[in-house]
Amino acid sequence: MNPDTRIRISFRISPILLVGVLILATSACEKKKPPVEETQPTLDRVAAPPPVSATQTVLHKTFTVSTSVNFPFEIPAHAAMPHLHGNYKSFIKQLGVQSNDNSANVDFLILNEDQYADFVHGHQGEALFSAEASHDQDVSASLPATQDKARKYYLIFRNTPGGEARKIVQADFTVDF
């Protein structure tokens, strides 16, 4: 072999090796990018399947009210249109017997957790629903939709001033969600 032939051969091999080395170097230097997370507000994310349409009994009971009585209940997460409905009747002395309609009156309130905290501390605030001084009341109230967590509510029966000191209440309430 003469010296010119060697140079040509090495010159031809060199570009092929160079291309291979460049390909390997380029792929070795590329850093893998972390997967792109979608940034959605928590209100738009669904962490769990929405509850199946259901009806839940909140209160089906006869009880006495001297000052006030509360009944907590919970609406599950992802309830789009919770709706509370039912009725109550209040009596004095004996269930079903009323001497005077006004003497058996009670106040009825539906409160969320913040409103209930105010109520417990003696603050008069807003209520989601209220019926004052009634002894026979039908109730139909839509509650706010729950997002990613359950919400607690309270049914409050409060004795009204000027009537009997103790009343008997018969109540039946359900919630649809």
N, C-alpha and C. Protein backbone atom coordinates (compact mmCIF):
# COMPACT_ATOMS: atom_id res chain seq x y z
N MET A 1 0.83 -1.17 0.00
CA MET A 1 0.00 0.00 0.00
C MET A 1 0.87 1.23 0.00
N ASN A 2 0.44 2.14 -0.76
CA ASN A 2 1.22 3.36 -0.76
C ASN A 2 0.61 4.31 0.28
N PRO A 3 1.31 5.31 0.68
CA PRO A 3 0.83 6.21 1.73
C PRO A 3 -0.46 6.93 1.35
N ASP A 4 -0.70 7.23 0.09
CA ASP A 4 -1.93 7.93 -0.30
C ASP A 4 -3.16 7.03 -0.10
N THR A 5 -3.05 5.76 -0.31
CA THR A 5 -4.15 4.83 -0.14
C THR A 5 -4.56 4.75 1.33
N ARG A 6 -3.58 4.70 2.20
CA ARG A 6 -3.88 4.64 3.62
C ARG A 6 -4.64 5.87 4.11
N ILE A 7 -4.26 6.97 3.62
CA ILE A 7 -4.91 8.20 4.03
C ILE A 7 -6.37 8.19 3.58
N ARG A 8 -6.63 7.73 2.39
CA ARG A 8 -8.00 7.69 1.91
C ARG A 8 -8.84 6.71 2.71
N ILE A 9 -8.32 5.61 3.03
CA ILE A 9 -9.05 4.61 3.80
C ILE A 9 -9.36 5.15 5.19
N SER A 10 -8.40 5.69 5.86
CA SER A 10 -8.63 6.21 7.19
C SER A 10 -9.56 7.42 7.14
N PHE A 11 -9.48 8.17 6.04
CA PHE A 11 -10.36 9.31 5.89
C PHE A 11 -11.80 8.85 5.71
N ARG A 12 -12.04 7.76 5.02
CA ARG A 12 -13.39 7.24 4.82
C ARG A 12 -13.95 6.60 6.10
N ILE A 13 -13.19 5.97 6.87
CA ILE A 13 -13.64 5.35 8.10
C ILE A 13 -13.93 6.41 9.15
N SER A 14 -13.18 7.40 9.20
CA SER A 14 -13.31 8.44 10.20
C SER A 14 -14.70 9.11 10.19
N PRO A 15 -15.28 9.51 9.07
CA PRO A 15 -16.61 10.12 9.11
C PRO A 15 -17.69 9.15 9.62
N ILE A 16 -17.60 7.91 9.33
CA ILE A 16 -18.58 6.94 9.81
C ILE A 16 -18.48 6.80 11.32
N LEU A 17 -17.28 6.68 11.82
CA LEU A 17 -17.08 6.61 13.27
C LEU A 17 -17.54 7.91 13.94
N LEU A 18 -17.23 9.00 13.31
CA LEU A 18 -17.60 10.29 13.85
C LEU A 18 -19.13 10.42 13.96
N VAL A 19 -19.85 10.01 12.95
CA VAL A 19 -21.32 10.07 12.97
C VAL A 19 -21.85 9.16 14.09
N GLY A 20 -21.35 7.98 14.24
CA GLY A 20 -21.78 7.05 15.29
C GLY A 20 -21.52 7.61 16.68
N VAL A 21 -20.35 8.18 16.87
CA VAL A 21 -20.00 8.76 18.16
C VAL A 21 -20.91 9.95 18.47
N LEU A 22 -21.20 10.77 17.48
CA LEU A 22 -22.09 11.92 17.69
C LEU A 22 -23.50 11.47 18.06
N ILE A 23 -23.99 10.44 17.43
CA ILE A 23 -25.33 9.94 17.74
C ILE A 23 -25.39 9.43 19.17
N LEU A 24 -24.40 8.66 19.55
CA LEU A 24 -24.35 8.15 20.92
C LEU A 24 -24.20 9.28 21.93
N ALA A 25 -23.38 10.24 21.64
CA ALA A 25 -23.16 11.36 22.56
C ALA A 25 -24.42 12.21 22.70
N THR A 26 -25.12 12.42 21.61
CA THR A 26 -26.32 13.24 21.65
C THR A 26 -27.41 12.55 22.47
N SER A 27 -27.62 11.28 22.27
CA SER A 27 -28.67 10.58 23.02
C SER A 27 -28.29 10.42 24.49
N ALA A 28 -27.01 10.30 24.79
CA ALA A 28 -26.58 10.16 26.18
C ALA A 28 -26.71 11.48 26.93
N CYS A 29 -26.60 12.60 26.26
CA CYS A 29 -26.66 13.90 26.93
C CYS A 29 -28.07 14.43 27.09
N GLU A 30 -29.03 13.85 26.39
CA GLU A 30 -30.41 14.33 26.52
C GLU A 30 -30.98 13.90 27.85
N LYS A 31 -31.47 14.86 28.60
CA LYS A 31 -32.11 14.54 29.87
C LYS A 31 -33.58 14.28 29.61
N LYS A 32 -34.08 13.29 30.32
CA LYS A 32 -35.50 13.01 30.18
C LYS A 32 -36.28 14.07 30.92
N LYS A 33 -37.27 14.62 30.27
CA LYS A 33 -38.09 15.64 30.88
C LYS A 33 -39.19 14.96 31.69
N PRO A 34 -39.49 15.53 32.87
CA PRO A 34 -40.57 14.93 33.66
C PRO A 34 -41.89 15.10 32.92
N PRO A 35 -42.83 14.18 33.15
CA PRO A 35 -44.13 14.31 32.49
C PRO A 35 -44.80 15.63 32.90
N VAL A 36 -45.42 16.25 31.95
CA VAL A 36 -46.08 17.53 32.20
C VAL A 36 -47.40 17.26 32.92
N GLU A 37 -47.54 17.87 34.10
CA GLU A 37 -48.79 17.73 34.86
C GLU A 37 -49.73 18.85 34.45
N GLU A 38 -50.97 18.47 34.30
CA GLU A 38 -51.96 19.49 34.02
C GLU A 38 -52.27 20.22 35.31
N THR A 39 -52.26 21.52 35.25
CA THR A 39 -52.58 22.28 36.44
C THR A 39 -54.03 22.72 36.34
N GLN A 40 -54.88 22.01 37.06
CA GLN A 40 -56.30 22.33 37.10
C GLN A 40 -56.66 22.69 38.52
N PRO A 41 -57.52 23.66 38.68
CA PRO A 41 -57.99 23.95 40.04
C PRO A 41 -58.67 22.72 40.63
N THR A 42 -58.61 22.60 41.96
CA THR A 42 -59.20 21.43 42.61
C THR A 42 -60.69 21.31 42.34
N LEU A 43 -61.34 22.40 42.04
CA LEU A 43 -62.78 22.32 41.75
C LEU A 43 -63.05 21.59 40.45
N ASP A 44 -62.07 21.61 39.52
CA ASP A 44 -62.26 20.97 38.23
C ASP A 44 -61.83 19.51 38.22
N ARG A 45 -61.11 19.09 39.24
CA ARG A 45 -60.65 17.72 39.29
C ARG A 45 -61.68 16.83 39.96
N VAL A 46 -61.78 15.63 39.49
CA VAL A 46 -62.68 14.66 40.11
C VAL A 46 -61.80 13.62 40.78
N ALA A 47 -61.77 13.64 42.11
CA ALA A 47 -60.94 12.72 42.86
C ALA A 47 -61.62 11.38 43.07
N ALA A 48 -62.91 11.39 43.05
CA ALA A 48 -63.67 10.16 43.26
C ALA A 48 -64.91 10.23 42.40
N PRO A 49 -65.49 9.10 42.12
CA PRO A 49 -66.71 9.14 41.32
C PRO A 49 -67.82 9.85 42.08
N PRO A 50 -68.68 10.55 41.37
CA PRO A 50 -69.77 11.23 42.06
C PRO A 50 -70.70 10.21 42.70
N PRO A 51 -71.37 10.62 43.78
CA PRO A 51 -72.25 9.65 44.43
C PRO A 51 -73.41 9.30 43.51
N VAL A 52 -73.87 8.11 43.65
CA VAL A 52 -75.03 7.67 42.89
C VAL A 52 -76.23 8.43 43.43
N SER A 53 -77.17 8.76 42.56
CA SER A 53 -78.37 9.45 43.03
C SER A 53 -78.97 8.62 44.17
N ALA A 54 -79.21 9.33 45.26
CA ALA A 54 -79.70 8.60 46.43
C ALA A 54 -80.60 9.50 47.25
N THR A 55 -81.38 8.87 48.10
CA THR A 55 -82.18 9.56 49.09
C THR A 55 -81.73 9.05 50.44
N GLN A 56 -81.46 9.98 51.33
CA GLN A 56 -80.97 9.64 52.66
C GLN A 56 -81.93 10.21 53.70
N THR A 57 -82.33 9.39 54.65
CA THR A 57 -83.16 9.88 55.74
C THR A 57 -82.29 10.69 56.68
N VAL A 58 -82.69 11.92 56.93
CA VAL A 58 -81.95 12.80 57.83
C VAL A 58 -82.56 12.73 59.23
N LEU A 59 -83.89 12.73 59.30
CA LEU A 59 -84.56 12.75 60.58
C LEU A 59 -85.96 12.14 60.42
N HIS A 60 -86.25 11.18 61.26
CA HIS A 60 -87.58 10.57 61.31
C HIS A 60 -87.80 10.23 62.78
N LYS A 61 -88.36 11.22 63.50
CA LYS A 61 -88.34 11.08 64.95
C LYS A 61 -89.36 12.00 65.61
N THR A 62 -89.78 11.63 66.82
CA THR A 62 -90.57 12.49 67.69
C THR A 62 -89.71 12.78 68.91
N PHE A 63 -89.61 14.06 69.28
CA PHE A 63 -88.71 14.48 70.36
C PHE A 63 -89.29 15.72 71.05
N THR A 64 -88.72 16.07 72.20
CA THR A 64 -89.17 17.26 72.92
C THR A 64 -88.16 18.39 72.74
N VAL A 65 -88.68 19.62 72.77
CA VAL A 65 -87.85 20.82 72.66
C VAL A 65 -88.15 21.72 73.84
N SER A 66 -87.13 21.96 74.67
CA SER A 66 -87.27 22.92 75.77
C SER A 66 -86.61 24.23 75.36
N THR A 67 -85.35 24.16 74.93
CA THR A 67 -84.66 25.36 74.43
C THR A 67 -84.40 25.19 72.93
N SER A 68 -83.47 24.31 72.59
CA SER A 68 -83.23 23.99 71.18
C SER A 68 -82.66 22.58 71.07
N VAL A 69 -82.89 21.97 69.92
CA VAL A 69 -82.39 20.63 69.63
C VAL A 69 -81.81 20.67 68.22
N ASN A 70 -80.63 20.06 68.06
CA ASN A 70 -80.02 20.06 66.72
C ASN A 70 -79.78 18.64 66.24
N PHE A 71 -79.86 18.48 64.93
CA PHE A 71 -79.65 17.19 64.29
C PHE A 71 -78.68 17.40 63.13
N PRO A 72 -77.42 16.96 63.30
CA PRO A 72 -76.44 17.11 62.21
C PRO A 72 -76.65 16.06 61.12
N PHE A 73 -76.32 16.42 59.90
CA PHE A 73 -76.32 15.47 58.78
C PHE A 73 -75.26 15.91 57.80
N GLU A 74 -74.87 14.99 56.92
CA GLU A 74 -73.77 15.26 56.00
C GLU A 74 -74.18 14.99 54.56
N ILE A 75 -73.72 15.87 53.67
CA ILE A 75 -73.90 15.68 52.24
C ILE A 75 -72.55 15.19 51.70
N PRO A 76 -72.52 14.07 50.97
CA PRO A 76 -71.23 13.54 50.49
C PRO A 76 -70.58 14.45 49.44
N ALA A 77 -69.29 14.25 49.24
CA ALA A 77 -68.55 14.99 48.22
C ALA A 77 -69.14 14.73 46.84
N HIS A 78 -69.03 15.70 45.99
CA HIS A 78 -69.46 15.62 44.58
C HIS A 78 -70.97 15.51 44.39
N ALA A 79 -71.73 15.98 45.37
CA ALA A 79 -73.19 16.01 45.22
C ALA A 79 -73.54 17.31 44.49
N ALA A 80 -74.06 17.18 43.28
CA ALA A 80 -74.28 18.35 42.43
C ALA A 80 -75.48 19.19 42.86
N MET A 81 -76.58 18.54 43.25
CA MET A 81 -77.79 19.30 43.58
C MET A 81 -78.49 18.71 44.81
N PRO A 82 -77.88 18.81 45.99
CA PRO A 82 -78.55 18.26 47.18
C PRO A 82 -79.82 19.05 47.50
N HIS A 83 -80.86 18.32 47.89
CA HIS A 83 -82.14 18.95 48.17
C HIS A 83 -82.77 18.30 49.41
N LEU A 84 -83.03 19.12 50.42
CA LEU A 84 -83.64 18.65 51.66
C LEU A 84 -85.14 18.92 51.59
N HIS A 85 -85.93 17.94 51.99
CA HIS A 85 -87.38 18.15 52.02
C HIS A 85 -87.98 17.31 53.14
N GLY A 86 -89.10 17.79 53.62
CA GLY A 86 -89.80 17.09 54.69
C GLY A 86 -90.77 18.02 55.38
N ASN A 87 -91.18 17.62 56.58
CA ASN A 87 -92.10 18.46 57.34
C ASN A 87 -91.95 18.17 58.82
N TYR A 88 -92.50 19.09 59.60
CA TYR A 88 -92.56 18.89 61.05
C TYR A 88 -93.86 19.47 61.59
N LYS A 89 -94.28 18.91 62.71
CA LYS A 89 -95.45 19.40 63.44
C LYS A 89 -95.05 19.46 64.90
N SER A 90 -95.49 20.51 65.58
CA SER A 90 -95.18 20.61 67.00
C SER A 90 -96.47 20.69 67.80
N PHE A 91 -96.42 20.14 69.01
CA PHE A 91 -97.59 20.03 69.88
C PHE A 91 -97.18 20.39 71.30
N ILE A 92 -98.18 20.63 72.12
CA ILE A 92 -97.93 20.79 73.56
C ILE A 92 -98.63 19.66 74.29
N LYS A 93 -98.07 19.30 75.41
CA LYS A 93 -98.62 18.27 76.31
C LYS A 93 -98.71 16.89 75.70
N GLN A 94 -99.44 16.73 74.62
CA GLN A 94 -99.73 15.40 74.08
C GLN A 94 -99.62 15.45 72.56
N LEU A 95 -99.01 14.45 71.99
CA LEU A 95 -98.86 14.37 70.54
C LEU A 95 -100.23 14.41 69.87
N GLY A 96 -100.42 15.35 68.96
CA GLY A 96 -101.67 15.45 68.22
C GLY A 96 -102.72 16.34 68.86
N VAL A 97 -102.46 16.86 70.08
CA VAL A 97 -103.46 17.70 70.75
C VAL A 97 -102.87 19.10 70.94
N GLN A 98 -103.56 20.11 70.42
CA GLN A 98 -103.13 21.49 70.57
C GLN A 98 -104.30 22.31 71.10
N SER A 99 -104.04 23.03 72.20
CA SER A 99 -105.09 23.89 72.74
C SER A 99 -105.10 25.22 72.01
N ASN A 100 -103.94 25.69 71.60
CA ASN A 100 -103.81 26.97 70.93
C ASN A 100 -102.66 26.84 69.92
N ASP A 101 -102.91 27.13 68.67
CA ASP A 101 -101.87 26.97 67.64
C ASP A 101 -100.57 27.68 68.00
N ASN A 102 -100.64 28.91 68.48
CA ASN A 102 -99.43 29.68 68.77
C ASN A 102 -98.63 29.14 69.94
N SER A 103 -99.26 28.49 70.87
CA SER A 103 -98.54 27.98 72.04
C SER A 103 -97.61 26.81 71.69
N ALA A 104 -97.80 26.17 70.55
CA ALA A 104 -96.97 25.03 70.15
C ALA A 104 -95.89 25.42 69.12
N ASN A 105 -95.79 26.69 68.77
CA ASN A 105 -94.84 27.12 67.74
C ASN A 105 -93.38 26.87 68.12
N VAL A 106 -92.60 26.51 67.11
CA VAL A 106 -91.14 26.40 67.23
C VAL A 106 -90.52 27.08 66.02
N ASP A 107 -89.25 27.46 66.15
CA ASP A 107 -88.48 27.97 65.03
C ASP A 107 -87.70 26.81 64.43
N PHE A 108 -87.53 26.84 63.12
CA PHE A 108 -86.78 25.79 62.42
C PHE A 108 -85.70 26.46 61.58
N LEU A 109 -84.47 25.95 61.67
CA LEU A 109 -83.34 26.51 60.92
C LEU A 109 -82.54 25.39 60.26
N ILE A 110 -81.97 25.69 59.09
CA ILE A 110 -80.97 24.83 58.46
C ILE A 110 -79.70 25.66 58.41
N LEU A 111 -78.63 25.16 59.03
CA LEU A 111 -77.37 25.89 59.13
C LEU A 111 -76.21 25.07 58.58
N ASN A 112 -75.22 25.76 57.99
CA ASN A 112 -73.97 25.09 57.64
C ASN A 112 -73.05 25.13 58.86
N GLU A 113 -71.84 24.62 58.75
CA GLU A 113 -70.95 24.53 59.92
C GLU A 113 -70.59 25.90 60.50
N ASP A 114 -70.29 26.87 59.65
CA ASP A 114 -69.94 28.20 60.14
C ASP A 114 -71.13 28.87 60.83
N GLN A 115 -72.29 28.75 60.22
CA GLN A 115 -73.50 29.34 60.81
C GLN A 115 -73.82 28.66 62.14
N TYR A 116 -73.60 27.36 62.21
CA TYR A 116 -73.87 26.63 63.45
C TYR A 116 -72.93 27.08 64.56
N ALA A 117 -71.66 27.30 64.22
CA ALA A 117 -70.69 27.79 65.22
C ALA A 117 -71.14 29.15 65.77
N ASP A 118 -71.63 30.02 64.90
CA ASP A 118 -72.16 31.31 65.36
C ASP A 118 -73.38 31.11 66.26
N PHE A 119 -74.26 30.21 65.87
CA PHE A 119 -75.48 29.93 66.63
C PHE A 119 -75.14 29.43 68.04
N VAL A 120 -74.17 28.52 68.13
CA VAL A 120 -73.77 27.96 69.42
C VAL A 120 -73.21 29.05 70.33
N HIS A 121 -72.52 30.02 69.75
CA HIS A 121 -71.94 31.11 70.54
C HIS A 121 -72.91 32.27 70.75
N GLY A 122 -74.18 32.08 70.40
CA GLY A 122 -75.20 33.08 70.67
C GLY A 122 -75.30 34.21 69.67
N HIS A 123 -74.61 34.10 68.55
CA HIS A 123 -74.68 35.14 67.52
C HIS A 123 -75.85 34.87 66.59
N GLN A 124 -76.64 35.88 66.36
CA GLN A 124 -77.75 35.75 65.41
C GLN A 124 -77.21 36.07 64.02
N GLY A 125 -77.18 35.09 63.17
CA GLY A 125 -76.67 35.30 61.81
C GLY A 125 -77.66 34.78 60.79
N GLU A 126 -77.16 34.67 59.60
CA GLU A 126 -77.96 34.15 58.48
C GLU A 126 -78.13 32.64 58.63
N ALA A 127 -79.18 32.14 58.01
CA ALA A 127 -79.42 30.70 57.94
C ALA A 127 -79.65 30.34 56.47
N LEU A 128 -79.34 29.12 56.10
CA LEU A 128 -79.64 28.67 54.74
C LEU A 128 -81.15 28.64 54.51
N PHE A 129 -81.88 28.29 55.56
CA PHE A 129 -83.34 28.25 55.51
C PHE A 129 -83.84 28.48 56.92
N SER A 130 -84.95 29.20 57.06
CA SER A 130 -85.55 29.36 58.39
C SER A 130 -87.07 29.48 58.27
N ALA A 131 -87.75 28.96 59.26
CA ALA A 131 -89.20 29.10 59.41
C ALA A 131 -89.42 29.46 60.87
N GLU A 132 -89.89 30.67 61.10
CA GLU A 132 -90.05 31.15 62.47
C GLU A 132 -91.49 30.95 62.93
N ALA A 133 -91.62 30.63 64.20
CA ALA A 133 -92.90 30.53 64.88
C ALA A 133 -93.95 29.76 64.08
N SER A 134 -93.69 28.48 63.90
CA SER A 134 -94.62 27.64 63.16
C SER A 134 -94.81 26.33 63.91
N HIS A 135 -96.00 25.76 63.79
CA HIS A 135 -96.26 24.48 64.43
C HIS A 135 -96.54 23.37 63.41
N ASP A 136 -96.62 23.74 62.13
CA ASP A 136 -96.88 22.77 61.07
C ASP A 136 -96.25 23.32 59.80
N GLN A 137 -95.12 22.76 59.40
CA GLN A 137 -94.36 23.37 58.31
C GLN A 137 -93.85 22.31 57.33
N ASP A 138 -94.10 22.55 56.03
CA ASP A 138 -93.47 21.75 54.98
C ASP A 138 -92.21 22.49 54.56
N VAL A 139 -91.13 21.75 54.35
CA VAL A 139 -89.84 22.35 54.02
C VAL A 139 -89.31 21.75 52.73
N SER A 140 -88.83 22.61 51.86
CA SER A 140 -88.17 22.19 50.63
C SER A 140 -87.04 23.17 50.39
N ALA A 141 -85.79 22.71 50.57
CA ALA A 141 -84.65 23.62 50.49
C ALA A 141 -83.52 22.99 49.70
N SER A 142 -83.03 23.73 48.70
CA SER A 142 -81.86 23.30 47.96
C SER A 142 -80.62 23.72 48.74
N LEU A 143 -79.65 22.82 48.81
CA LEU A 143 -78.39 23.09 49.51
C LEU A 143 -77.29 23.28 48.48
N PRO A 144 -76.21 23.99 48.85
CA PRO A 144 -75.12 24.20 47.90
C PRO A 144 -74.46 22.88 47.49
N ALA A 145 -74.01 22.83 46.25
CA ALA A 145 -73.31 21.64 45.74
C ALA A 145 -72.02 21.45 46.52
N THR A 146 -71.67 20.20 46.76
CA THR A 146 -70.38 19.91 47.40
C THR A 146 -69.35 19.71 46.31
N GLN A 147 -68.13 20.06 46.60
CA GLN A 147 -67.06 19.91 45.60
C GLN A 147 -66.29 18.63 45.91
N ASP A 148 -65.07 18.80 46.40
CA ASP A 148 -64.21 17.64 46.61
C ASP A 148 -64.25 17.08 48.03
N LYS A 149 -65.12 17.64 48.89
CA LYS A 149 -65.25 17.07 50.23
C LYS A 149 -66.70 17.20 50.71
N ALA A 150 -67.03 16.34 51.64
CA ALA A 150 -68.39 16.33 52.20
C ALA A 150 -68.62 17.61 53.01
N ARG A 151 -69.89 17.99 53.17
CA ARG A 151 -70.25 19.17 53.95
C ARG A 151 -71.27 18.78 55.01
N LYS A 152 -71.12 19.37 56.18
CA LYS A 152 -72.00 19.07 57.30
C LYS A 152 -73.02 20.21 57.47
N TYR A 153 -74.26 19.82 57.77
CA TYR A 153 -75.34 20.77 58.01
C TYR A 153 -76.07 20.38 59.29
N TYR A 154 -76.89 21.30 59.77
CA TYR A 154 -77.62 21.08 61.01
C TYR A 154 -79.08 21.50 60.85
N LEU A 155 -79.98 20.64 61.31
CA LEU A 155 -81.39 21.01 61.45
C LEU A 155 -81.54 21.44 62.90
N ILE A 156 -82.07 22.64 63.12
CA ILE A 156 -82.23 23.19 64.46
C ILE A 156 -83.72 23.44 64.72
N PHE A 157 -84.21 22.93 65.83
CA PHE A 157 -85.56 23.23 66.29
C PHE A 157 -85.39 24.02 67.58
N ARG A 158 -85.98 25.22 67.62
CA ARG A 158 -85.79 26.11 68.75
C ARG A 158 -87.16 26.53 69.30
N ASN A 159 -87.29 26.46 70.61
CA ASN A 159 -88.53 26.86 71.25
C ASN A 159 -88.72 28.37 71.10
N THR A 160 -89.91 28.78 70.72
CA THR A 160 -90.18 30.21 70.55
C THR A 160 -90.65 30.80 71.88
N PRO A 161 -90.27 32.04 72.14
CA PRO A 161 -90.71 32.68 73.38
C PRO A 161 -92.22 32.93 73.37
N GLY A 162 -92.80 32.92 74.54
CA GLY A 162 -94.23 33.23 74.67
C GLY A 162 -95.13 32.03 74.61
N GLY A 163 -94.61 30.87 74.32
CA GLY A 163 -95.44 29.66 74.26
C GLY A 163 -95.16 28.79 75.47
N GLU A 164 -95.53 27.56 75.33
CA GLU A 164 -95.28 26.59 76.39
C GLU A 164 -93.77 26.38 76.55
N ALA A 165 -93.36 25.98 77.75
CA ALA A 165 -91.94 25.79 78.04
C ALA A 165 -91.36 24.54 77.36
N ARG A 166 -92.24 23.60 77.06
CA ARG A 166 -91.77 22.34 76.46
C ARG A 166 -92.74 21.93 75.37
N LYS A 167 -92.18 21.58 74.22
CA LYS A 167 -93.01 21.19 73.07
C LYS A 167 -92.58 19.83 72.55
N ILE A 168 -93.52 19.15 71.95
CA ILE A 168 -93.24 17.86 71.33
C ILE A 168 -93.24 18.10 69.82
N VAL A 169 -92.19 17.62 69.16
CA VAL A 169 -92.06 17.82 67.72
C VAL A 169 -91.99 16.46 67.04
N GLN A 170 -92.75 16.33 65.98
CA GLN A 170 -92.72 15.14 65.12
C GLN A 170 -92.15 15.60 63.79
N ALA A 171 -90.98 15.05 63.39
CA ALA A 171 -90.30 15.53 62.17
C ALA A 171 -89.91 14.36 61.27
N ASP A 172 -89.98 14.62 59.99
CA ASP A 172 -89.61 13.63 58.98
C ASP A 172 -88.92 14.37 57.84
N PHE A 173 -87.59 14.17 57.68
CA PHE A 173 -86.80 14.86 56.65
C PHE A 173 -85.90 13.89 55.90
N THR A 174 -85.81 14.10 54.61
CA THR A 174 -84.89 13.34 53.76
C THR A 174 -84.12 14.32 52.88
N VAL A 175 -83.00 13.84 52.37
CA VAL A 175 -82.22 14.66 51.44
C VAL A 175 -81.94 13.81 50.20
N ASP A 176 -82.13 14.43 49.05
CA ASP A 176 -81.81 13.78 47.77
C ASP A 176 -80.52 14.41 47.24
N PHE A 177 -79.65 13.57 46.70
CA PHE A 177 -78.42 14.09 46.09
C PHE A 177 -78.01 13.22 44.93
